[in-house]
């Protein structure tokens, strides 16, 4: 299924939570905390400014990002968890 976010929205695939701790303890599903990291899958056209211009995105498809834990709306696409966020909800981008 293909989804295209509108205006200043970003579609982010949520990265899976860790199965083990650093010490090697295996975590049950109930103890796993949902990650606030993901990979940008698609971006909208940009934010429409008051003067009629469109402000381009700072993030692009393929970027690994950190977003607010309770921000955006969660959707399931092809059995994978995704979030639809506004660009302002993205806190940081991992740089290589």
N, C-alpha and C. Protein backbone atom coordinates (compact mmCIF):
# COMPACT_ATOMS: atom_id res chain seq x y z
N UNK A 1 0.84 -1.17 0.00
CA UNK A 1 0.00 0.00 0.00
C UNK A 1 0.89 1.24 0.00
N UNK A 2 0.50 2.24 -0.74
CA UNK A 2 1.29 3.46 -0.83
C UNK A 2 0.50 4.61 -0.22
N UNK A 3 1.14 5.37 0.65
CA UNK A 3 0.49 6.50 1.31
C UNK A 3 1.34 7.74 1.09
N UNK A 4 0.70 8.85 0.76
CA UNK A 4 1.37 10.13 0.57
C UNK A 4 0.82 11.11 1.59
N UNK A 5 1.64 11.56 2.53
CA UNK A 5 1.18 12.53 3.53
C UNK A 5 0.86 13.87 2.85
N UNK A 6 -0.05 14.63 3.44
CA UNK A 6 -0.43 15.92 2.90
C UNK A 6 0.31 17.05 3.61
N UNK A 7 0.47 18.15 2.93
CA UNK A 7 1.11 19.40 3.37
C UNK A 7 2.36 19.17 4.23
N UNK A 8 2.34 19.55 5.52
CA UNK A 8 3.55 19.48 6.34
C UNK A 8 3.61 18.21 7.19
N UNK A 9 3.05 17.13 6.69
CA UNK A 9 3.05 15.85 7.41
C UNK A 9 4.17 14.94 6.91
N UNK A 10 4.62 14.05 7.81
CA UNK A 10 5.68 13.09 7.51
C UNK A 10 5.22 11.71 7.96
N UNK A 11 5.43 10.70 7.14
CA UNK A 11 5.12 9.32 7.49
C UNK A 11 6.41 8.65 7.94
N UNK A 12 6.41 8.15 9.19
CA UNK A 12 7.61 7.56 9.78
C UNK A 12 7.31 6.12 10.19
N UNK A 13 8.17 5.19 9.77
CA UNK A 13 8.06 3.79 10.22
C UNK A 13 8.76 3.68 11.56
N UNK A 14 8.04 3.21 12.57
CA UNK A 14 8.60 3.10 13.92
C UNK A 14 9.56 1.93 13.98
N UNK A 15 10.76 2.16 14.53
CA UNK A 15 11.74 1.10 14.69
C UNK A 15 11.32 0.19 15.83
N UNK A 16 11.61 -1.09 15.70
CA UNK A 16 11.22 -2.09 16.70
C UNK A 16 11.96 -1.87 18.01
N UNK A 17 11.29 -2.16 19.12
CA UNK A 17 11.90 -2.08 20.45
C UNK A 17 12.90 -3.21 20.62
N UNK A 18 13.86 -2.98 21.48
CA UNK A 18 14.91 -3.97 21.73
C UNK A 18 14.34 -5.22 22.37
N UNK A 19 14.83 -6.38 21.94
CA UNK A 19 14.41 -7.67 22.51
C UNK A 19 15.16 -7.97 23.80
N UNK A 20 16.41 -7.46 23.90
CA UNK A 20 17.25 -7.73 25.06
C UNK A 20 17.80 -6.42 25.61
N UNK A 21 18.14 -6.44 26.90
CA UNK A 21 18.83 -5.31 27.49
C UNK A 21 20.31 -5.44 27.18
N UNK A 22 21.09 -4.42 27.50
CA UNK A 22 22.53 -4.49 27.26
C UNK A 22 23.19 -5.59 28.08
N UNK A 23 22.59 -5.93 29.20
CA UNK A 23 23.11 -7.01 30.06
C UNK A 23 22.71 -8.40 29.60
N UNK A 24 21.88 -8.50 28.54
CA UNK A 24 21.50 -9.80 28.00
C UNK A 24 20.16 -10.34 28.48
N UNK A 25 19.42 -9.56 29.27
CA UNK A 25 18.12 -10.02 29.76
C UNK A 25 17.09 -9.87 28.65
N UNK A 26 16.35 -10.94 28.38
CA UNK A 26 15.32 -10.91 27.34
C UNK A 26 14.06 -10.27 27.92
N UNK A 27 13.52 -9.28 27.21
CA UNK A 27 12.35 -8.56 27.69
C UNK A 27 11.07 -9.16 27.13
N UNK A 28 10.05 -9.36 27.97
CA UNK A 28 8.75 -9.81 27.46
C UNK A 28 8.06 -8.65 26.73
N UNK A 29 7.07 -8.96 25.90
CA UNK A 29 6.36 -7.94 25.13
C UNK A 29 5.77 -6.85 26.01
N UNK A 30 5.31 -7.21 27.21
CA UNK A 30 4.67 -6.23 28.09
C UNK A 30 5.67 -5.23 28.67
N UNK A 31 6.94 -5.57 28.72
CA UNK A 31 7.96 -4.69 29.29
C UNK A 31 8.64 -3.81 28.25
N UNK A 32 8.39 -4.09 26.98
CA UNK A 32 9.03 -3.31 25.92
C UNK A 32 8.38 -1.94 25.84
N UNK A 33 9.23 -0.94 25.78
CA UNK A 33 8.75 0.43 25.66
C UNK A 33 8.77 0.81 24.19
N UNK A 34 7.70 1.44 23.72
CA UNK A 34 7.64 1.82 22.31
C UNK A 34 8.72 2.84 22.00
N UNK A 35 9.40 2.62 20.89
CA UNK A 35 10.49 3.49 20.49
C UNK A 35 9.96 4.83 20.01
N UNK A 36 10.74 5.85 20.21
CA UNK A 36 10.41 7.16 19.66
C UNK A 36 11.43 7.50 18.57
N UNK A 37 11.83 6.46 17.85
CA UNK A 37 12.74 6.60 16.72
C UNK A 37 12.11 5.93 15.52
N UNK A 38 12.45 6.43 14.34
CA UNK A 38 11.91 5.81 13.16
C UNK A 38 12.63 6.25 11.90
N UNK A 39 12.17 5.70 10.79
CA UNK A 39 12.73 5.99 9.49
C UNK A 39 11.66 6.69 8.66
N UNK A 40 12.01 7.83 8.05
CA UNK A 40 11.07 8.58 7.23
C UNK A 40 10.78 7.78 5.96
N UNK A 41 9.49 7.50 5.74
CA UNK A 41 9.05 6.71 4.60
C UNK A 41 8.55 7.63 3.48
N UNK A 42 7.86 8.72 3.85
CA UNK A 42 7.33 9.66 2.86
C UNK A 42 7.13 11.03 3.51
N UNK A 43 7.19 12.07 2.70
CA UNK A 43 6.95 13.44 3.18
C UNK A 43 5.90 14.10 2.29
N UNK A 44 5.21 15.08 2.86
CA UNK A 44 4.21 15.83 2.10
C UNK A 44 4.88 16.87 1.21
N UNK A 45 4.09 17.84 0.76
CA UNK A 45 4.61 18.85 -0.16
C UNK A 45 5.33 19.99 0.55
N UNK A 46 5.10 20.18 1.84
CA UNK A 46 5.72 21.25 2.60
C UNK A 46 4.68 22.12 3.26
N UNK A 47 5.11 22.98 4.17
CA UNK A 47 4.18 23.84 4.90
C UNK A 47 3.86 25.07 4.07
N UNK A 48 2.57 25.36 3.95
CA UNK A 48 2.11 26.54 3.23
C UNK A 48 2.22 27.74 4.15
N UNK A 49 3.01 28.73 3.74
CA UNK A 49 3.21 29.94 4.54
C UNK A 49 2.10 30.95 4.23
N UNK A 50 1.98 31.98 5.08
CA UNK A 50 0.94 33.00 4.90
C UNK A 50 1.09 33.76 3.59
N UNK A 51 2.31 33.90 3.08
CA UNK A 51 2.52 34.64 1.83
C UNK A 51 2.28 33.77 0.58
N UNK A 52 1.84 32.51 0.80
CA UNK A 52 1.52 31.64 -0.33
C UNK A 52 2.65 30.74 -0.78
N UNK A 53 3.84 30.94 -0.25
CA UNK A 53 4.98 30.10 -0.61
C UNK A 53 4.94 28.81 0.20
N UNK A 54 5.62 27.78 -0.31
CA UNK A 54 5.70 26.50 0.40
C UNK A 54 7.10 26.36 0.97
N UNK A 55 7.18 26.16 2.29
CA UNK A 55 8.46 25.98 2.98
C UNK A 55 8.85 24.51 2.84
N UNK A 56 10.02 24.21 2.24
CA UNK A 56 10.44 22.81 2.05
C UNK A 56 10.80 22.14 3.38
N UNK A 57 10.79 20.80 3.36
CA UNK A 57 11.12 20.02 4.54
C UNK A 57 12.62 20.01 4.82
N UNK A 58 12.97 19.87 6.11
CA UNK A 58 14.36 19.67 6.50
C UNK A 58 14.71 18.19 6.50
N UNK A 59 13.69 17.33 6.59
CA UNK A 59 13.92 15.88 6.57
C UNK A 59 13.56 15.36 5.18
N UNK A 60 14.14 14.19 4.85
CA UNK A 60 13.85 13.58 3.56
C UNK A 60 13.63 12.08 3.75
N UNK A 61 13.10 11.46 2.73
CA UNK A 61 12.86 10.03 2.76
C UNK A 61 14.16 9.29 3.05
N UNK A 62 14.10 8.34 3.98
CA UNK A 62 15.28 7.56 4.35
C UNK A 62 15.99 8.05 5.60
N UNK A 63 15.72 9.29 6.06
CA UNK A 63 16.35 9.81 7.28
C UNK A 63 15.87 9.03 8.50
N UNK A 64 16.78 8.81 9.44
CA UNK A 64 16.43 8.20 10.72
C UNK A 64 16.23 9.33 11.71
N UNK A 65 15.05 9.38 12.34
CA UNK A 65 14.68 10.53 13.16
C UNK A 65 14.24 10.11 14.56
N UNK A 66 14.25 11.10 15.46
CA UNK A 66 13.72 10.96 16.81
C UNK A 66 12.54 11.90 16.90
N UNK A 67 11.41 11.40 17.43
CA UNK A 67 10.21 12.23 17.53
C UNK A 67 9.65 12.16 18.94
N UNK A 68 8.77 13.07 19.27
CA UNK A 68 8.14 13.11 20.59
C UNK A 68 7.35 11.83 20.85
N UNK A 69 7.46 11.30 22.06
CA UNK A 69 6.86 10.01 22.41
C UNK A 69 5.36 9.97 22.18
N UNK A 70 4.65 11.03 22.50
CA UNK A 70 3.20 11.04 22.38
C UNK A 70 2.71 11.87 21.19
N UNK A 71 3.58 12.18 20.26
CA UNK A 71 3.19 13.02 19.13
C UNK A 71 2.69 12.19 17.96
N UNK A 72 1.91 12.80 17.11
CA UNK A 72 1.44 12.16 15.89
C UNK A 72 0.35 11.14 16.11
N UNK A 73 -0.07 10.54 15.01
CA UNK A 73 -1.11 9.51 15.02
C UNK A 73 -0.51 8.20 14.53
N UNK A 74 -0.77 7.12 15.26
CA UNK A 74 -0.23 5.81 14.90
C UNK A 74 -1.15 5.13 13.90
N UNK A 75 -0.57 4.57 12.85
CA UNK A 75 -1.31 3.79 11.86
C UNK A 75 -0.53 2.51 11.57
N UNK A 76 -1.23 1.47 11.13
CA UNK A 76 -0.58 0.23 10.75
C UNK A 76 -0.69 0.07 9.24
N UNK A 77 0.46 -0.10 8.59
CA UNK A 77 0.51 -0.27 7.15
C UNK A 77 1.32 -1.53 6.87
N UNK A 78 0.73 -2.48 6.18
CA UNK A 78 1.40 -3.75 5.87
C UNK A 78 1.97 -4.41 7.11
N UNK A 79 1.20 -4.44 8.20
CA UNK A 79 1.57 -5.06 9.47
C UNK A 79 2.77 -4.41 10.15
N UNK A 80 3.10 -3.17 9.81
CA UNK A 80 4.17 -2.43 10.46
C UNK A 80 3.59 -1.16 11.05
N UNK A 81 4.10 -0.78 12.24
CA UNK A 81 3.63 0.43 12.91
C UNK A 81 4.29 1.66 12.29
N UNK A 82 3.47 2.66 12.03
CA UNK A 82 3.93 3.93 11.49
C UNK A 82 3.31 5.06 12.30
N UNK A 83 3.89 6.24 12.18
CA UNK A 83 3.30 7.45 12.76
C UNK A 83 3.22 8.50 11.66
N UNK A 84 2.12 9.24 11.68
CA UNK A 84 2.01 10.41 10.82
C UNK A 84 2.21 11.61 11.72
N UNK A 85 3.28 12.37 11.45
CA UNK A 85 3.68 13.49 12.30
C UNK A 85 3.73 14.77 11.49
N UNK A 86 3.61 15.90 12.18
CA UNK A 86 3.96 17.15 11.56
C UNK A 86 5.47 17.29 11.69
N UNK A 87 6.08 18.02 10.78
CA UNK A 87 7.54 18.15 10.83
C UNK A 87 8.00 18.75 12.16
N UNK A 88 7.21 19.62 12.75
CA UNK A 88 7.59 20.25 14.02
C UNK A 88 7.68 19.24 15.17
N UNK A 89 7.04 18.06 15.01
CA UNK A 89 7.09 17.01 16.04
C UNK A 89 8.38 16.20 15.98
N UNK A 90 9.16 16.36 14.92
CA UNK A 90 10.44 15.65 14.80
C UNK A 90 11.48 16.46 15.56
N UNK A 91 12.15 15.80 16.51
CA UNK A 91 13.08 16.49 17.39
C UNK A 91 14.51 16.51 16.84
N UNK A 92 14.92 15.46 16.14
CA UNK A 92 16.29 15.38 15.66
C UNK A 92 16.41 14.36 14.52
N UNK A 93 17.49 14.51 13.75
CA UNK A 93 17.81 13.59 12.67
C UNK A 93 19.19 13.00 12.94
N UNK A 94 19.32 11.67 12.84
CA UNK A 94 20.63 11.04 12.99
C UNK A 94 21.48 11.39 11.78
N UNK A 95 22.73 11.75 12.00
CA UNK A 95 23.65 12.04 10.92
C UNK A 95 24.77 11.01 10.95
N UNK A 96 25.16 10.56 9.78
CA UNK A 96 26.21 9.53 9.70
C UNK A 96 27.59 10.14 9.68
